[in-house]
Protein backbone atom coordinates (compact mmCIF):
# COMPACT_ATOMS: atom_id res chain seq x y z
CA MET A 1 7.36 -9.93 -6.92
CA LYS A 2 11.13 -9.65 -6.59
CA GLN A 3 12.36 -8.67 -3.17
CA ASP A 4 15.77 -7.61 -1.87
CA ASN A 5 17.36 -9.93 0.70
CA ASP A 6 16.85 -7.39 3.48
CA THR A 7 13.39 -6.11 2.49
CA LYS A 8 10.46 -7.93 4.06
CA ILE A 9 7.32 -7.86 1.90
CA LYS A 10 3.95 -8.54 3.51
CA THR A 11 0.86 -8.97 1.35
CA ILE A 12 -2.20 -7.24 2.78
CA VAL A 13 -4.78 -7.94 0.04
CA GLU A 14 -4.39 -9.50 -3.38
CA THR A 15 -7.00 -9.94 -6.12
CA ASP A 16 -6.72 -10.56 -9.87
CA ASP A 17 -6.26 -6.84 -10.61
CA CYS A 18 -5.20 -5.27 -7.31
CA PHE A 19 -2.41 -5.77 -4.80
CA ALA A 20 -1.72 -4.04 -1.48
CA TYR A 21 1.43 -4.74 0.48
CA THR A 22 3.89 -3.34 2.98
CA ALA A 23 7.64 -3.42 2.70
CA GLU A 24 9.91 -3.24 5.72
CA GLU A 25 13.07 -1.63 4.41
CA PRO A 26 16.55 -2.58 5.67
CA ASP A 27 16.63 0.60 7.79
CA GLY A 28 13.42 -0.47 9.57
CA GLU A 29 11.10 1.98 7.80
CA VAL A 30 7.80 0.51 6.61
CA THR A 31 6.42 1.67 3.27
CA TYR A 32 2.94 1.02 1.90
CA HIS A 33 2.11 0.13 -1.69
CA LEU A 34 -1.11 -0.09 -3.69
CA GLN A 35 -1.08 -1.61 -7.15
CA ILE A 36 -4.39 -1.18 -9.01
CA ASN A 37 -4.27 -2.50 -12.56
CA ASN A 38 -1.30 -0.68 -14.12
CA VAL A 39 -1.05 2.08 -11.47
CA THR A 40 1.20 1.70 -8.43
CA LEU A 41 1.18 4.14 -5.51
CA HIS A 42 3.97 4.19 -2.92
CA PHE A 43 3.59 5.81 0.51
CA PHE A 44 5.74 6.53 3.52
CA ASN A 45 3.93 6.19 6.86
CA GLU A 46 2.72 9.81 7.16
CA GLU A 47 1.56 9.83 3.53
CA TRP A 48 -0.25 6.53 4.09
CA GLN A 49 -2.17 7.94 7.05
CA VAL A 50 -3.27 10.95 4.95
CA ALA A 51 -4.31 8.63 2.10
CA LEU A 52 -6.32 6.41 4.48
CA ASP A 53 -8.14 9.39 5.96
CA PHE A 54 -8.93 10.63 2.46
CA LEU A 55 -10.16 7.22 1.29
CA LYS A 56 -12.39 6.85 4.35
CA GLU A 57 -14.08 10.13 3.39
CA VAL A 58 -14.46 8.97 -0.22
CA VAL A 59 -16.12 5.73 0.91
CA LYS A 60 -18.56 7.71 3.08
CA GLU A 61 -19.60 9.75 0.04
CA PHE A 62 -19.67 6.84 -2.41
CA PRO A 63 -20.56 3.77 -0.31
CA GLY A 64 -20.79 1.49 -3.33
């Protein structure tokens, strides 16, 4: 993955088909990214917290 000189990328989880990472932007803001197959979702911090709460509820209902 290409990264700007001032953007710090941190891999959270990586598999063959999925990739989760954070990016610390030059202004200090951290963004969250989920890449699942050919879909990529980008979140600011508040959006990420909402997504996590939602996904926790989904996992409760569909525990795999």
